PDB file of N, CA and C in Angstrom:
ATOM      1  N   MET A   1      89.671  39.107 136.365  1.00  0.00           N
ATOM      2  CA  MET A   1      89.478  39.551 137.706  1.00  0.00           C
ATOM      3  C   MET A   1      90.764  40.184 138.219  1.00  0.00           C
ATOM      4  N   ALA A   2      90.609  41.295 138.786  1.00  0.00           N
ATOM      5  CA  ALA A   2      91.754  41.989 139.388  1.00  0.00           C
ATOM      6  C   ALA A   2      91.812  41.634 140.869  1.00  0.00           C
ATOM      7  N   THR A   3      92.986  41.243 141.291  1.00  0.00           N
ATOM      8  CA  THR A   3      93.127  40.894 142.703  1.00  0.00           C
ATOM      9  C   THR A   3      93.678  42.101 143.468  1.00  0.00           C
ATOM     10  N   ALA A   4      93.048  42.383 144.567  1.00  0.00           N
ATOM     11  CA  ALA A   4      93.493  43.507 145.390  1.00  0.00           C
ATOM     12  C   ALA A   4      94.670  43.055 146.254  1.00  0.00           C
ATOM     13  N   ALA A   5      95.530  43.974 146.555  1.00  0.00           N
ATOM     14  CA  ALA A   5      96.687  43.674 147.399  1.00  0.00           C
ATOM     15  C   ALA A   5      96.224  43.636 148.850  1.00  0.00           C
ATOM     16  N   THR A   6      95.920  42.445 149.319  1.00  0.00           N
ATOM     17  CA  THR A   6      95.423  42.305 150.686  1.00  0.00           C
ATOM     18  C   THR A   6      96.455  41.583 151.557  1.00  0.00           C
ATOM     19  N   THR A   7      97.674  41.959 151.386  1.00  0.00           N
ATOM     20  CA  THR A   7      98.694  41.323 152.228  1.00  0.00           C
ATOM     21  C   THR A   7      98.731  42.042 153.575  1.00  0.00           C
ATOM     22  N   SER A   8      98.813  41.265 154.599  1.00  0.00           N
ATOM     23  CA  SER A   8      98.857  41.836 155.939  1.00  0.00           C
ATOM     24  C   SER A   8     100.222  41.571 156.573  1.00  0.00           C
ATOM     25  N   ASP A   9     101.274  41.821 155.806  1.00  0.00           N
ATOM     26  CA  ASP A   9     102.621  41.634 156.330  1.00  0.00           C
ATOM     27  C   ASP A   9     102.943  42.769 157.296  1.00  0.00           C
ATOM     28  N   VAL A  10     103.313  42.388 158.471  1.00  0.00           N
ATOM     29  CA  VAL A  10     103.678  43.367 159.485  1.00  0.00           C
ATOM     30  C   VAL A  10     105.189  43.414 159.557  1.00  0.00           C
ATOM     31  N   LYS A  11     105.738  44.589 159.381  1.00  0.00           N
ATOM     32  CA  LYS A  11     107.186  44.723 159.469  1.00  0.00           C
ATOM     33  C   LYS A  11     107.562  44.819 160.939  1.00  0.00           C
ATOM     34  N   ARG A  12     108.454  43.959 161.331  1.00  0.00           N
ATOM     35  CA  ARG A  12     108.891  43.944 162.723  1.00  0.00           C
ATOM     36  C   ARG A  12     110.310  44.496 162.803  1.00  0.00           C
ATOM     37  N   ALA A  13     110.533  45.286 163.826  1.00  0.00           N
ATOM     38  CA  ALA A  13     111.863  45.853 164.025  1.00  0.00           C
ATOM     39  C   ALA A  13     112.807  44.774 164.553  1.00  0.00           C
ATOM     40  N   LYS A  14     114.063  44.897 164.189  1.00  0.00           N
ATOM     41  CA  LYS A  14     115.057  43.969 164.703  1.00  0.00           C
ATOM     42  C   LYS A  14     115.282  44.270 166.179  1.00  0.00           C
ATOM     43  N   PRO A  15     115.455  43.248 166.995  1.00  0.00           N
ATOM     44  CA  PRO A  15     115.732  43.512 168.413  1.00  0.00           C
ATOM     45  C   PRO A  15     117.082  44.208 168.563  1.00  0.00           C
ATOM     46  N   GLN A  16     117.074  45.306 169.295  1.00  0.00           N
ATOM     47  CA  GLN A  16     118.301  46.062 169.512  1.00  0.00           C
ATOM     48  C   GLN A  16     118.655  46.031 170.984  1.00  0.00           C
ATOM     49  N   LEU A  17     119.931  46.156 171.253  1.00  0.00           N
ATOM     50  CA  LEU A  17     120.405  46.135 172.619  1.00  0.00           C
ATOM     51  C   LEU A  17     120.028  47.439 173.304  1.00  0.00           C
ATOM     52  N   ASN A  18     119.228  47.320 174.342  1.00  0.00           N
ATOM     53  CA  ASN A  18     118.807  48.468 175.120  1.00  0.00           C
ATOM     54  C   ASN A  18     119.955  48.887 176.037  1.00  0.00           C
ATOM     55  N   VAL A  19     120.028  50.166 176.391  1.00  0.00           N
ATOM     56  CA  VAL A  19     121.086  50.647 177.269  1.00  0.00           C
ATOM     57  C   VAL A  19     121.017  49.938 178.617  1.00  0.00           C
ATOM     58  N   TYR A  20     119.830  49.792 179.154  1.00  0.00           N
ATOM     59  CA  TYR A  20     119.672  49.151 180.454  1.00  0.00           C
ATOM     60  C   TYR A  20     120.009  47.664 180.392  1.00  0.00           C
ATOM     61  N   THR A  21     119.716  47.030 179.290  1.00  0.00           N
ATOM     62  CA  THR A  21     120.081  45.626 179.127  1.00  0.00           C
ATOM     63  C   THR A  21     121.600  45.485 179.090  1.00  0.00           C
ATOM     64  N   GLY A  22     122.260  46.408 178.417  1.00  0.00           N
ATOM     65  CA  GLY A  22     123.719  46.397 178.366  1.00  0.00           C
ATOM     66  C   GLY A  22     124.329  46.608 179.747  1.00  0.00           C
ATOM     67  N   LEU A  23     123.781  47.561 180.509  1.00  0.00           N
ATOM     68  CA  LEU A  23     124.282  47.811 181.855  1.00  0.00           C
ATOM     69  C   LEU A  23     124.052  46.609 182.771  1.00  0.00           C
ATOM     70  N   LEU A  24     122.902  45.977 182.633  1.00  0.00           N
ATOM     71  CA  LEU A  24     122.607  44.793 183.434  1.00  0.00           C
ATOM     72  C   LEU A  24     123.564  43.655 183.094  1.00  0.00           C
ATOM     73  N   THR A  25     123.878  43.497 181.833  1.00  0.00           N
ATOM     74  CA  THR A  25     124.809  42.453 181.405  1.00  0.00           C
ATOM     75  C   THR A  25     126.205  42.708 181.972  1.00  0.00           C
ATOM     76  N   VAL A  26     126.659  43.961 181.896  1.00  0.00           N
ATOM     77  CA  VAL A  26     127.979  44.305 182.433  1.00  0.00           C
ATOM     78  C   VAL A  26     128.014  44.083 183.940  1.00  0.00           C
ATOM     79  N   ALA A  27     126.953  44.476 184.636  1.00  0.00           N
ATOM     80  CA  ALA A  27     126.904  44.288 186.086  1.00  0.00           C
ATOM     81  C   ALA A  27     126.926  42.805 186.446  1.00  0.00           C
ATOM     82  N   LEU A  28     126.213  41.993 185.705  1.00  0.00           N
ATOM     83  CA  LEU A  28     126.195  40.552 185.959  1.00  0.00           C
ATOM     84  C   LEU A  28     127.577  39.940 185.743  1.00  0.00           C
ATOM     85  N   LEU A  29     128.259  40.354 184.689  1.00  0.00           N
ATOM     86  CA  LEU A  29     129.608  39.842 184.438  1.00  0.00           C
ATOM     87  C   LEU A  29     130.573  40.273 185.533  1.00  0.00           C
ATOM     88  N   MET A  30     130.416  41.485 186.042  1.00  0.00           N
ATOM     89  CA  MET A  30     131.279  41.959 187.121  1.00  0.00           C
ATOM     90  C   MET A  30     131.038  41.176 188.408  1.00  0.00           C
ATOM     91  N   VAL A  31     129.775  40.831 188.681  1.00  0.00           N
ATOM     92  CA  VAL A  31     129.459  40.031 189.872  1.00  0.00           C
ATOM     93  C   VAL A  31     130.067  38.640 189.753  1.00  0.00           C
ATOM     94  N   ILE A  32     129.985  38.048 188.587  1.00  0.00           N
ATOM     95  CA  ILE A  32     130.567  36.716 188.377  1.00  0.00           C
ATOM     96  C   ILE A  32     132.084  36.776 188.541  1.00  0.00           C
ATOM     97  N   LEU A  33     132.717  37.812 187.994  1.00  0.00           N
ATOM     98  CA  LEU A  33     134.165  37.964 188.122  1.00  0.00           C
ATOM     99  C   LEU A  33     134.558  38.189 189.579  1.00  0.00           C
ATOM    100  N   ALA A  34     133.801  39.004 190.293  1.00  0.00           N
ATOM    101  CA  ALA A  34     134.106  39.267 191.701  1.00  0.00           C
ATOM    102  C   ALA A  34     133.970  37.992 192.532  1.00  0.00           C
ATOM    103  N   ALA A  35     132.956  37.193 192.267  1.00  0.00           N
ATOM    104  CA  ALA A  35     132.788  35.936 193.004  1.00  0.00           C
ATOM    105  C   ALA A  35     133.953  34.991 192.727  1.00  0.00           C
ATOM    106  N   ALA A  36     134.423  34.963 191.500  1.00  0.00           N
ATOM    107  CA  ALA A  36     135.564  34.108 191.164  1.00  0.00           C
ATOM    108  C   ALA A  36     136.834  34.587 191.856  1.00  0.00           C
ATOM    109  N   VAL A  37     137.024  35.906 191.920  1.00  0.00           N
ATOM    110  CA  VAL A  37     138.217  36.454 192.583  1.00  0.00           C
ATOM    111  C   VAL A  37     138.180  36.159 194.078  1.00  0.00           C
ATOM    112  N   VAL A  38     137.024  36.341 194.705  1.00  0.00           N
ATOM    113  CA  VAL A  38     136.906  36.067 196.140  1.00  0.00           C
ATOM    114  C   VAL A  38     137.133  34.580 196.415  1.00  0.00           C
ATOM    115  N   ALA A  39     136.603  33.711 195.573  1.00  0.00           N
ATOM    116  CA  ALA A  39     136.812  32.273 195.755  1.00  0.00           C
ATOM    117  C   ALA A  39     138.297  31.924 195.594  1.00  0.00           C
ATOM    118  N   LYS A  40     138.963  32.554 194.644  1.00  0.00           N
ATOM    119  CA  LYS A  40     140.396  32.306 194.438  1.00  0.00           C
ATOM    120  C   LYS A  40     141.206  32.802 195.628  1.00  0.00           C
ATOM    121  N   MET A  41     140.875  33.978 196.158  1.00  0.00           N
ATOM    122  CA  MET A  41     141.581  34.509 197.319  1.00  0.00           C
ATOM    123  C   MET A  41     141.349  33.608 198.541  1.00  0.00           C
ATOM    124  N   ASN A  42     140.142  33.095 198.680  1.00  0.00           N
ATOM    125  CA  ASN A  42     139.827  32.212 199.801  1.00  0.00           C
ATOM    126  C   ASN A  42     140.583  30.888 199.675  1.00  0.00           C
ATOM    127  N   THR A  43     140.770  30.424 198.474  1.00  0.00           N
ATOM    128  CA  THR A  43     141.541  29.204 198.254  1.00  0.00           C
ATOM    129  C   THR A  43     142.986  29.416 198.695  1.00  0.00           C
ATOM    130  N   ASP A  44     143.536  30.593 198.385  1.00  0.00           N
ATOM    131  CA  ASP A  44     144.914  30.883 198.772  1.00  0.00           C
ATOM    132  C   ASP A  44     145.055  30.983 200.285  1.00  0.00           C
ATOM    133  N   VAL A  45     144.046  31.536 200.963  1.00  0.00           N
ATOM    134  CA  VAL A  45     144.122  31.720 202.411  1.00  0.00           C
ATOM    135  C   VAL A  45     143.962  30.389 203.138  1.00  0.00           C
ATOM    136  N   THR A  46     142.981  29.598 202.757  1.00  0.00           N
ATOM    137  CA  THR A  46     142.697  28.360 203.492  1.00  0.00           C
ATOM    138  C   THR A  46     143.597  27.209 203.069  1.00  0.00           C
ATOM    139  N   GLY A  47     144.052  27.212 201.838  1.00  0.00           N
ATOM    140  CA  GLY A  47     144.837  26.086 201.347  1.00  0.00           C
ATOM    141  C   GLY A  47     143.978  24.894 201.020  1.00  0.00           C
ATOM    142  N   GLN A  48     142.653  25.091 201.039  1.00  0.00           N
ATOM    143  CA  GLN A  48     141.727  23.996 200.744  1.00  0.00           C
ATOM    144  C   GLN A  48     140.849  24.418 199.574  1.00  0.00           C
ATOM    145  N   GLY A  49     139.574  24.065 199.635  1.00  0.00           N
ATOM    146  CA  GLY A  49     138.649  24.410 198.566  1.00  0.00           C
ATOM    147  C   GLY A  49     138.280  25.882 198.602  1.00  0.00           C
ATOM    148  N   PRO A  50     137.678  26.373 197.546  1.00  0.00           N
ATOM    149  CA  PRO A  50     137.371  27.805 197.446  1.00  0.00           C
ATOM    150  C   PRO A  50     136.282  28.274 198.401  1.00  0.00           C
ATOM    151  N   PHE A  51     135.477  27.382 198.935  1.00  0.00           N
ATOM    152  CA  PHE A  51     134.378  27.796 199.804  1.00  0.00           C
ATOM    153  C   PHE A  51     134.510  27.242 201.218  1.00  0.00           C
ATOM    154  N   ASP A  52     135.723  26.803 201.583  1.00  0.00           N
ATOM    155  CA  ASP A  52     135.979  26.336 202.940  1.00  0.00           C
ATOM    156  C   ASP A  52     136.308  27.535 203.829  1.00  0.00           C
ATOM    157  N   THR A  53     135.942  27.436 205.084  1.00  0.00           N
ATOM    158  CA  THR A  53     136.218  28.536 205.996  1.00  0.00           C
ATOM    159  C   THR A  53     137.622  28.395 206.571  1.00  0.00           C
ATOM    160  N   ALA A  54     138.242  29.524 206.830  1.00  0.00           N
ATOM    161  CA  ALA A  54     139.571  29.520 207.433  1.00  0.00           C
ATOM    162  C   ALA A  54     139.426  29.277 208.919  1.00  0.00           C
ATOM    163  N   SER A  55     140.355  28.509 209.486  1.00  0.00           N
ATOM    164  CA  SER A  55     140.301  28.241 210.911  1.00  0.00           C
ATOM    165  C   SER A  55     140.770  29.467 211.682  1.00  0.00           C
ATOM    166  N   SER A  56     140.132  29.723 212.822  1.00  0.00           N
ATOM    167  CA  SER A  56     140.530  30.882 213.625  1.00  0.00           C
ATOM    168  C   SER A  56     141.803  30.565 214.370  1.00  0.00           C
ATOM    169  N   ARG A  57     142.605  31.580 214.596  1.00  0.00           N
ATOM    170  CA  ARG A  57     143.910  31.354 215.217  1.00  0.00           C
ATOM    171  C   ARG A  57     143.924  31.836 216.615  1.00  0.00           C
TER     172      ARG A  57
END
């Protein structure tokens, strides 16, 4: 008996980094960095925690 080649292997493409996914990742990292910088600057101004408000003078 001859067996027919009835394999149904589907070749799947490797996931590749999309341009928009890359831009979204860079934007997210920039937002995280900006939040850290603002929190650090606020810590220097208030002399307390990073999310405490400065007293008005």
